Amino acid sequence: MILKKGIQVKIISGKDKGKTGEILEINRKLNKIKVKSINMIKKHLKPTKENKGGIVSKESFIDQSNVKNLDQTKKEKKIAGKK
């Protein structure tokens, strides 16, 4: 499966099963990806001169075997329909 930054994917397993989103980041070494608004976690940030600090929600990595490429399946359906 070819995964690139910006491609639409659908989550096929886990707590966010059935949701769709756009790939934000890929870690090829660990075979993990970050999807927009999927697998949200709470991160406690310490206050600094630049940041106010507090609790921030952000995306966490999810294994790439738990996603399905939506852009590829749409192309395949269009090609199959033309035959």
PDB file of N, CA and C in Angstrom:
ATOM      1  N   MET A   1       0.845  -1.175   0.000  1.00  0.00           N
ATOM      2  CA  MET A   1       0.000   0.000   0.000  1.00  0.00           C
ATOM      3  C   MET A   1       0.893   1.241   0.000  1.00  0.00           C
ATOM      4  N   ILE A   2       0.601   2.166  -0.889  1.00  0.00           N
ATOM      5  CA  ILE A   2       1.388   3.387  -0.986  1.00  0.00           C
ATOM      6  C   ILE A   2       0.741   4.469  -0.138  1.00  0.00           C
ATOM      7  N   LEU A   3       1.483   4.941   0.862  1.00  0.00           N
ATOM      8  CA  LEU A   3       0.998   6.007   1.725  1.00  0.00           C
ATOM      9  C   LEU A   3       1.890   7.222   1.560  1.00  0.00           C
ATOM     10  N   LYS A   4       1.263   8.376   1.348  1.00  0.00           N
ATOM     11  CA  LYS A   4       1.994   9.631   1.217  1.00  0.00           C
ATOM     12  C   LYS A   4       1.308  10.679   2.083  1.00  0.00           C
ATOM     13  N   LYS A   5       2.039  11.709   2.404  1.00  0.00           N
ATOM     14  CA  LYS A   5       1.505  12.811   3.179  1.00  0.00           C
ATOM     15  C   LYS A   5       0.398  13.505   2.378  1.00  0.00           C
ATOM     16  N   GLY A   6      -0.759  13.722   3.027  1.00  0.00           N
ATOM     17  CA  GLY A   6      -1.868  14.403   2.372  1.00  0.00           C
ATOM     18  C   GLY A   6      -2.931  13.483   1.797  1.00  0.00           C
ATOM     19  N   ILE A   7      -2.697  12.170   1.786  1.00  0.00           N
ATOM     20  CA  ILE A   7      -3.657  11.204   1.240  1.00  0.00           C
ATOM     21  C   ILE A   7      -4.766  10.941   2.261  1.00  0.00           C
ATOM     22  N   GLN A   8      -5.995  10.755   1.790  1.00  0.00           N
ATOM     23  CA  GLN A   8      -7.133  10.424   2.651  1.00  0.00           C
ATOM     24  C   GLN A   8      -7.111   8.926   2.960  1.00  0.00           C
ATOM     25  N   VAL A   9      -7.248   8.589   4.252  1.00  0.00           N
ATOM     26  CA  VAL A   9      -7.277   7.190   4.676  1.00  0.00           C
ATOM     27  C   VAL A   9      -8.470   6.954   5.593  1.00  0.00           C
ATOM     28  N   LYS A  10      -8.872   5.690   5.705  1.00  0.00           N
ATOM     29  CA  LYS A  10      -9.955   5.283   6.593  1.00  0.00           C
ATOM     30  C   LYS A  10      -9.381   4.343   7.636  1.00  0.00           C
ATOM     31  N   ILE A  11      -9.760   4.526   8.903  1.00  0.00           N
ATOM     32  CA  ILE A  11      -9.285   3.682   9.987  1.00  0.00           C
ATOM     33  C   ILE A  11     -10.121   2.414  10.000  1.00  0.00           C
ATOM     34  N   ILE A  12      -9.459   1.237   9.980  1.00  0.00           N
ATOM     35  CA  ILE A  12     -10.189  -0.029   9.908  1.00  0.00           C
ATOM     36  C   ILE A  12     -10.174  -0.800  11.221  1.00  0.00           C
ATOM     37  N   SER A  13      -9.394  -0.340  12.218  1.00  0.00           N
ATOM     38  CA  SER A  13      -9.420  -1.004  13.522  1.00  0.00           C
ATOM     39  C   SER A  13      -8.993  -0.030  14.603  1.00  0.00           C
ATOM     40  N   GLY A  14      -9.371  -0.331  15.838  1.00  0.00           N
ATOM     41  CA  GLY A  14      -9.014   0.516  16.969  1.00  0.00           C
ATOM     42  C   GLY A  14     -10.176   1.358  17.439  1.00  0.00           C
ATOM     43  N   LYS A  15      -9.898   2.286  18.346  1.00  0.00           N
ATOM     44  CA  LYS A  15     -10.967   3.086  18.956  1.00  0.00           C
ATOM     45  C   LYS A  15     -11.596   4.078  17.983  1.00  0.00           C
ATOM     46  N   ASP A  16     -10.903   4.430  16.911  1.00  0.00           N
ATOM     47  CA  ASP A  16     -11.424   5.370  15.920  1.00  0.00           C
ATOM     48  C   ASP A  16     -11.875   4.669  14.647  1.00  0.00           C
ATOM     49  N   LYS A  17     -12.280   3.418  14.745  1.00  0.00           N
ATOM     50  CA  LYS A  17     -12.680   2.616  13.592  1.00  0.00           C
ATOM     51  C   LYS A  17     -13.812   3.297  12.818  1.00  0.00           C
ATOM     52  N   GLY A  18     -13.650   3.359  11.494  1.00  0.00           N
ATOM     53  CA  GLY A  18     -14.666   3.939  10.632  1.00  0.00           C
ATOM     54  C   GLY A  18     -14.444   5.399  10.304  1.00  0.00           C
ATOM     55  N   LYS A  19     -13.591   6.090  11.031  1.00  0.00           N
ATOM     56  CA  LYS A  19     -13.334   7.505  10.774  1.00  0.00           C
ATOM     57  C   LYS A  19     -12.349   7.662   9.617  1.00  0.00           C
ATOM     58  N   THR A  20     -12.414   8.812   8.963  1.00  0.00           N
ATOM     59  CA  THR A  20     -11.494   9.107   7.872  1.00  0.00           C
ATOM     60  C   THR A  20     -10.718  10.371   8.191  1.00  0.00           C
ATOM     61  N   GLY A  21      -9.552  10.506   7.591  1.00  0.00           N
ATOM     62  CA  GLY A  21      -8.727  11.685   7.819  1.00  0.00           C
ATOM     63  C   GLY A  21      -7.563  11.739   6.852  1.00  0.00           C
ATOM     64  N   GLU A  22      -6.810  12.810   6.960  1.00  0.00           N
ATOM     65  CA  GLU A  22      -5.676  13.068   6.079  1.00  0.00           C
ATOM     66  C   GLU A  22      -4.376  12.761   6.807  1.00  0.00           C
ATOM     67  N   ILE A  23      -3.424  12.143   6.119  1.00  0.00           N
ATOM     68  CA  ILE A  23      -2.129  11.808   6.718  1.00  0.00           C
ATOM     69  C   ILE A  23      -1.330  13.091   6.924  1.00  0.00           C
ATOM     70  N   LEU A  24      -0.865  13.298   8.165  1.00  0.00           N
ATOM     71  CA  LEU A  24      -0.061  14.467   8.503  1.00  0.00           C
ATOM     72  C   LEU A  24       1.425  14.155   8.501  1.00  0.00           C
ATOM     73  N   GLU A  25       1.783  12.965   8.991  1.00  0.00           N
ATOM     74  CA  GLU A  25       3.193  12.617   9.174  1.00  0.00           C
ATOM     75  C   GLU A  25       3.352  11.112   9.033  1.00  0.00           C
ATOM     76  N   ILE A  26       4.501  10.684   8.507  1.00  0.00           N
ATOM     77  CA  ILE A  26       4.789   9.256   8.335  1.00  0.00           C
ATOM     78  C   ILE A  26       6.140   8.941   8.960  1.00  0.00           C
ATOM     79  N   ASN A  27       6.188   7.848   9.761  1.00  0.00           N
ATOM     80  CA  ASN A  27       7.447   7.357  10.314  1.00  0.00           C
ATOM     81  C   ASN A  27       7.695   5.992   9.674  1.00  0.00           C
ATOM     82  N   ARG A  28       8.471   5.968   8.621  1.00  0.00           N
ATOM     83  CA  ARG A  28       8.691   4.717   7.864  1.00  0.00           C
ATOM     84  C   ARG A  28       9.504   3.695   8.648  1.00  0.00           C
ATOM     85  N   LYS A  29      10.367   4.160   9.537  1.00  0.00           N
ATOM     86  CA  LYS A  29      11.199   3.251  10.318  1.00  0.00           C
ATOM     87  C   LYS A  29      10.352   2.388  11.251  1.00  0.00           C
ATOM     88  N   LEU A  30       9.332   3.005  11.893  1.00  0.00           N
ATOM     89  CA  LEU A  30       8.462   2.289  12.832  1.00  0.00           C
ATOM     90  C   LEU A  30       7.147   1.832  12.199  1.00  0.00           C
ATOM     91  N   ASN A  31       6.942   2.126  10.899  1.00  0.00           N
ATOM     92  CA  ASN A  31       5.699   1.809  10.191  1.00  0.00           C
ATOM     93  C   ASN A  31       4.480   2.409  10.876  1.00  0.00           C
ATOM     94  N   LYS A  32       4.580   3.682  11.246  1.00  0.00           N
ATOM     95  CA  LYS A  32       3.481   4.374  11.905  1.00  0.00           C
ATOM     96  C   LYS A  32       3.180   5.675  11.174  1.00  0.00           C
ATOM     97  N   ILE A  33       1.903   6.104  11.278  1.00  0.00           N
ATOM     98  CA  ILE A  33       1.487   7.348  10.644  1.00  0.00           C
ATOM     99  C   ILE A  33       0.653   8.169  11.619  1.00  0.00           C
ATOM    100  N   LYS A  34       0.591   9.475  11.360  1.00  0.00           N
ATOM    101  CA  LYS A  34      -0.236  10.398  12.127  1.00  0.00           C
ATOM    102  C   LYS A  34      -1.340  10.888  11.213  1.00  0.00           C
ATOM    103  N   VAL A  35      -2.603  10.729  11.653  1.00  0.00           N
ATOM    104  CA  VAL A  35      -3.752  11.126  10.849  1.00  0.00           C
ATOM    105  C   VAL A  35      -4.466  12.281  11.549  1.00  0.00           C
ATOM    106  N   LYS A  36      -4.931  13.242  10.775  1.00  0.00           N
ATOM    107  CA  LYS A  36      -5.566  14.447  11.311  1.00  0.00           C
ATOM    108  C   LYS A  36      -6.807  14.087  12.131  1.00  0.00           C
ATOM    109  N   SER A  37      -6.843  14.534  13.380  1.00  0.00           N
ATOM    110  CA  SER A  37      -7.931  14.355  14.358  1.00  0.00           C
ATOM    111  C   SER A  37      -8.264  12.882  14.656  1.00  0.00           C
ATOM    112  N   ILE A  38      -7.279  11.996  14.535  1.00  0.00           N
ATOM    113  CA  ILE A  38      -7.442  10.579  14.867  1.00  0.00           C
ATOM    114  C   ILE A  38      -6.443  10.223  15.962  1.00  0.00           C
ATOM    115  N   ASN A  39      -6.848   9.386  16.925  1.00  0.00           N
ATOM    116  CA  ASN A  39      -6.003   8.926  18.020  1.00  0.00           C
ATOM    117  C   ASN A  39      -5.485  10.116  18.835  1.00  0.00           C
ATOM    118  N   MET A  40      -6.420  10.966  19.268  1.00  0.00           N
ATOM    119  CA  MET A  40      -6.077  12.166  20.030  1.00  0.00           C
ATOM    120  C   MET A  40      -5.649  11.783  21.450  1.00  0.00           C
ATOM    121  N   ILE A  41      -4.584  12.448  21.937  1.00  0.00           N
ATOM    122  CA  ILE A  41      -4.099  12.236  23.299  1.00  0.00           C
ATOM    123  C   ILE A  41      -3.986  13.588  23.996  1.00  0.00           C
ATOM    124  N   LYS A  42      -3.952  13.561  25.328  1.00  0.00           N
ATOM    125  CA  LYS A  42      -3.760  14.770  26.128  1.00  0.00           C
ATOM    126  C   LYS A  42      -2.292  14.852  26.511  1.00  0.00           C
ATOM    127  N   LYS A  43      -1.678  16.004  26.279  1.00  0.00           N
ATOM    128  CA  LYS A  43      -0.272  16.222  26.582  1.00  0.00           C
ATOM    129  C   LYS A  43      -0.176  17.391  27.561  1.00  0.00           C
ATOM    130  N   HIS A  44       0.519  17.179  28.688  1.00  0.00           N
ATOM    131  CA  HIS A  44       0.715  18.217  29.683  1.00  0.00           C
ATOM    132  C   HIS A  44       1.982  18.993  29.337  1.00  0.00           C
ATOM    133  N   LEU A  45       1.839  20.296  29.092  1.00  0.00           N
ATOM    134  CA  LEU A  45       2.968  21.136  28.729  1.00  0.00           C
ATOM    135  C   LEU A  45       3.349  22.049  29.879  1.00  0.00           C
ATOM    136  N   LYS A  46       4.632  22.151  30.138  1.00  0.00           N
ATOM    137  CA  LYS A  46       5.159  23.019  31.184  1.00  0.00           C
ATOM    138  C   LYS A  46       5.179  24.465  30.670  1.00  0.00           C
ATOM    139  N   PRO A  47       4.806  25.429  31.487  1.00  0.00           N
ATOM    140  CA  PRO A  47       4.849  26.819  31.031  1.00  0.00           C
ATOM    141  C   PRO A  47       6.281  27.298  30.768  1.00  0.00           C
ATOM    142  N   THR A  48       6.461  28.008  29.665  1.00  0.00           N
ATOM    143  CA  THR A  48       7.750  28.624  29.335  1.00  0.00           C
ATOM    144  C   THR A  48       7.502  30.080  28.965  1.00  0.00           C
ATOM    145  N   LYS A  49       8.552  30.786  28.581  1.00  0.00           N
ATOM    146  CA  LYS A  49       8.391  32.180  28.176  1.00  0.00           C
ATOM    147  C   LYS A  49       7.530  32.305  26.918  1.00  0.00           C
ATOM    148  N   GLU A  50       7.654  31.333  25.997  1.00  0.00           N
ATOM    149  CA  GLU A  50       6.897  31.373  24.747  1.00  0.00           C
ATOM    150  C   GLU A  50       5.503  30.769  24.896  1.00  0.00           C
ATOM    151  N   ASN A  51       5.379  29.652  25.629  1.00  0.00           N
ATOM    152  CA  ASN A  51       4.112  28.931  25.748  1.00  0.00           C
ATOM    153  C   ASN A  51       3.476  29.149  27.110  1.00  0.00           C
ATOM    154  N   LYS A  52       2.153  29.185  27.104  1.00  0.00           N
ATOM    155  CA  LYS A  52       1.406  29.353  28.343  1.00  0.00           C
ATOM    156  C   LYS A  52       1.436  28.070  29.176  1.00  0.00           C
ATOM    157  N   GLY A  53       1.473  26.935  28.511  1.00  0.00           N
ATOM    158  CA  GLY A  53       1.452  25.655  29.207  1.00  0.00           C
ATOM    159  C   GLY A  53       0.033  25.139  29.351  1.00  0.00           C
ATOM    160  N   GLY A  54      -0.146  24.070  30.126  1.00  0.00           N
ATOM    161  CA  GLY A  54      -1.463  23.483  30.337  1.00  0.00           C
ATOM    162  C   GLY A  54      -1.603  22.154  29.623  1.00  0.00           C
ATOM    163  N   ILE A  55      -2.859  21.744  29.458  1.00  0.00           N
ATOM    164  CA  ILE A  55      -3.161  20.461  28.819  1.00  0.00           C
ATOM    165  C   ILE A  55      -3.568  20.716  27.369  1.00  0.00           C
ATOM    166  N   VAL A  56      -2.886  20.042  26.440  1.00  0.00           N
ATOM    167  CA  VAL A  56      -3.118  20.225  25.010  1.00  0.00           C
ATOM    168  C   VAL A  56      -3.509  18.887  24.396  1.00  0.00           C
ATOM    169  N   SER A  57      -4.515  18.890  23.503  1.00  0.00           N
ATOM    170  CA  SER A  57      -4.885  17.687  22.753  1.00  0.00           C
ATOM    171  C   SER A  57      -4.129  17.678  21.441  1.00  0.00           C
ATOM    172  N   LYS A  58      -3.531  16.535  21.093  1.00  0.00           N
ATOM    173  CA  LYS A  58      -2.829  16.416  19.823  1.00  0.00           C
ATOM    174  C   LYS A  58      -2.912  14.993  19.316  1.00  0.00           C
ATOM    175  N   GLU A  59      -2.593  14.822  18.014  1.00  0.00           N
ATOM    176  CA  GLU A  59      -2.648  13.496  17.392  1.00  0.00           C
ATOM    177  C   GLU A  59      -1.452  12.664  17.818  1.00  0.00           C
ATOM    178  N   SER A  60      -1.685  11.354  17.909  1.00  0.00           N
ATOM    179  CA  SER A  60      -0.612  10.412  18.202  1.00  0.00           C
ATOM    180  C   SER A  60      -0.479   9.466  17.015  1.00  0.00           C
ATOM    181  N   PHE A  61       0.623   8.747  16.963  1.00  0.00           N
ATOM    182  CA  PHE A  61       0.855   7.816  15.861  1.00  0.00           C
ATOM    183  C   PHE A  61      -0.058   6.600  15.957  1.00  0.00           C
ATOM    184  N   ILE A  62      -0.404   6.049  14.793  1.00  0.00           N
ATOM    185  CA  ILE A  62      -1.202   4.830  14.691  1.00  0.00           C
ATOM    186  C   ILE A  62      -0.469   3.926  13.694  1.00  0.00           C
ATOM    187  N   ASP A  63      -0.575   2.614  13.878  1.00  0.00           N
ATOM    188  CA  ASP A  63       0.122   1.686  12.997  1.00  0.00           C
ATOM    189  C   ASP A  63      -0.485   1.747  11.600  1.00  0.00           C
ATOM    190  N   GLN A  64       0.351   1.688  10.571  1.00  0.00           N
ATOM    191  CA  GLN A  64      -0.150   1.824   9.211  1.00  0.00           C
ATOM    192  C   GLN A  64      -0.957   0.612   8.747  1.00  0.00           C
ATOM    193  N   SER A  65      -0.890  -0.514   9.474  1.00  0.00           N
ATOM    194  CA  SER A  65      -1.709  -1.666   9.118  1.00  0.00           C
ATOM    195  C   SER A  65      -3.166  -1.455   9.523  1.00  0.00           C
ATOM    196  N   ASN A  66      -3.434  -0.425  10.325  1.00  0.00           N
ATOM    197  CA  ASN A  66      -4.795  -0.142  10.780  1.00  0.00           C
ATOM    198  C   ASN A  66      -5.521   0.861   9.897  1.00  0.00           C
ATOM    199  N   VAL A  67      -4.947   1.222   8.765  1.00  0.00           N
ATOM    200  CA  VAL A  67      -5.593   2.172   7.866  1.00  0.00           C
ATOM    201  C   VAL A  67      -5.741   1.595   6.467  1.00  0.00           C
ATOM    202  N   LYS A  68      -6.716   2.170   5.738  1.00  0.00           N
ATOM    203  CA  LYS A  68      -6.964   1.767   4.352  1.00  0.00           C
ATOM    204  C   LYS A  68      -6.928   3.028   3.496  1.00  0.00           C
ATOM    205  N   ASN A  69      -6.248   2.967   2.369  1.00  0.00           N
ATOM    206  CA  ASN A  69      -6.101   4.104   1.462  1.00  0.00           C
ATOM    207  C   ASN A  69      -7.420   4.337   0.727  1.00  0.00           C
ATOM    208  N   LEU A  70      -8.070   5.489   0.930  1.00  0.00           N
ATOM    209  CA  LEU A  70      -9.339   5.778   0.270  1.00  0.00           C
ATOM    210  C   LEU A  70      -9.144   6.274  -1.158  1.00  0.00           C
ATOM    211  N   ASP A  71      -8.104   7.045  -1.425  1.00  0.00           N
ATOM    212  CA  ASP A  71      -7.869   7.573  -2.766  1.00  0.00           C
ATOM    213  C   ASP A  71      -7.665   6.449  -3.775  1.00  0.00           C
ATOM    214  N   GLN A  72      -6.937   5.409  -3.388  1.00  0.00           N
ATOM    215  CA  GLN A  72      -6.653   4.282  -4.276  1.00  0.00           C
ATOM    216  C   GLN A  72      -7.931   3.502  -4.584  1.00  0.00           C
ATOM    217  N   THR A  73      -8.783   3.272  -3.554  1.00  0.00           N
ATOM    218  CA  THR A  73      -9.997   2.484  -3.772  1.00  0.00           C
ATOM    219  C   THR A  73     -10.973   3.234  -4.669  1.00  0.00           C
ATOM    220  N   LYS A  74     -11.037   4.557  -4.584  1.00  0.00           N
ATOM    221  CA  LYS A  74     -11.924   5.330  -5.461  1.00  0.00           C
ATOM    222  C   LYS A  74     -11.495   5.190  -6.911  1.00  0.00           C
ATOM    223  N   LYS A  75     -10.176   5.225  -7.170  1.00  0.00           N
ATOM    224  CA  LYS A  75      -9.679   5.081  -8.535  1.00  0.00           C
ATOM    225  C   LYS A  75     -10.006   3.698  -9.079  1.00  0.00           C
ATOM    226  N   GLU A  76      -9.859   2.664  -8.245  1.00  0.00           N
ATOM    227  CA  GLU A  76     -10.121   1.292  -8.675  1.00  0.00           C
ATOM    228  C   GLU A  76     -11.596   1.112  -9.005  1.00  0.00           C
ATOM    229  N   LYS A  77     -12.494   1.707  -8.212  1.00  0.00           N
ATOM    230  CA  LYS A  77     -13.936   1.591  -8.473  1.00  0.00           C
ATOM    231  C   LYS A  77     -14.316   2.278  -9.766  1.00  0.00           C
ATOM    232  N   LYS A  78     -13.714   3.441 -10.052  1.00  0.00           N
ATOM    233  CA  LYS A  78     -13.997   4.167 -11.290  1.00  0.00           C
ATOM    234  C   LYS A  78     -13.541   3.357 -12.496  1.00  0.00           C
ATOM    235  N   ILE A  79     -12.360   2.733 -12.387  1.00  0.00           N
ATOM    236  CA  ILE A  79     -11.829   1.933 -13.488  1.00  0.00           C
ATOM    237  C   ILE A  79     -12.689   0.695 -13.705  1.00  0.00           C
ATOM    238  N   ALA A  80     -13.131   0.053 -12.623  1.00  0.00           N
ATOM    239  CA  ALA A  80     -13.961  -1.143 -12.743  1.00  0.00           C
ATOM    240  C   ALA A  80     -15.321  -0.806 -13.347  1.00  0.00           C
ATOM    241  N   GLY A  81     -15.844   0.376 -13.051  1.00  0.00           N
ATOM    242  CA  GLY A  81     -17.145   0.780 -13.575  1.00  0.00           C
ATOM    243  C   GLY A  81     -17.133   1.071 -15.068  1.00  0.00           C
ATOM    244  N   LYS A  82     -15.995   1.456 -15.613  1.00  0.00           N
ATOM    245  CA  LYS A  82     -15.904   1.793 -17.033  1.00  0.00           C
ATOM    246  C   LYS A  82     -15.879   0.556 -17.922  1.00  0.00           C
ATOM    247  N   LYS A  83     -15.446  -0.586 -17.417  1.00  0.00           N
ATOM    248  CA  LYS A  83     -15.313  -1.806 -18.221  1.00  0.00           C
ATOM    249  C   LYS A  83     -16.649  -2.365 -18.628  1.00  0.00           C
TER     250      LYS A  83
END
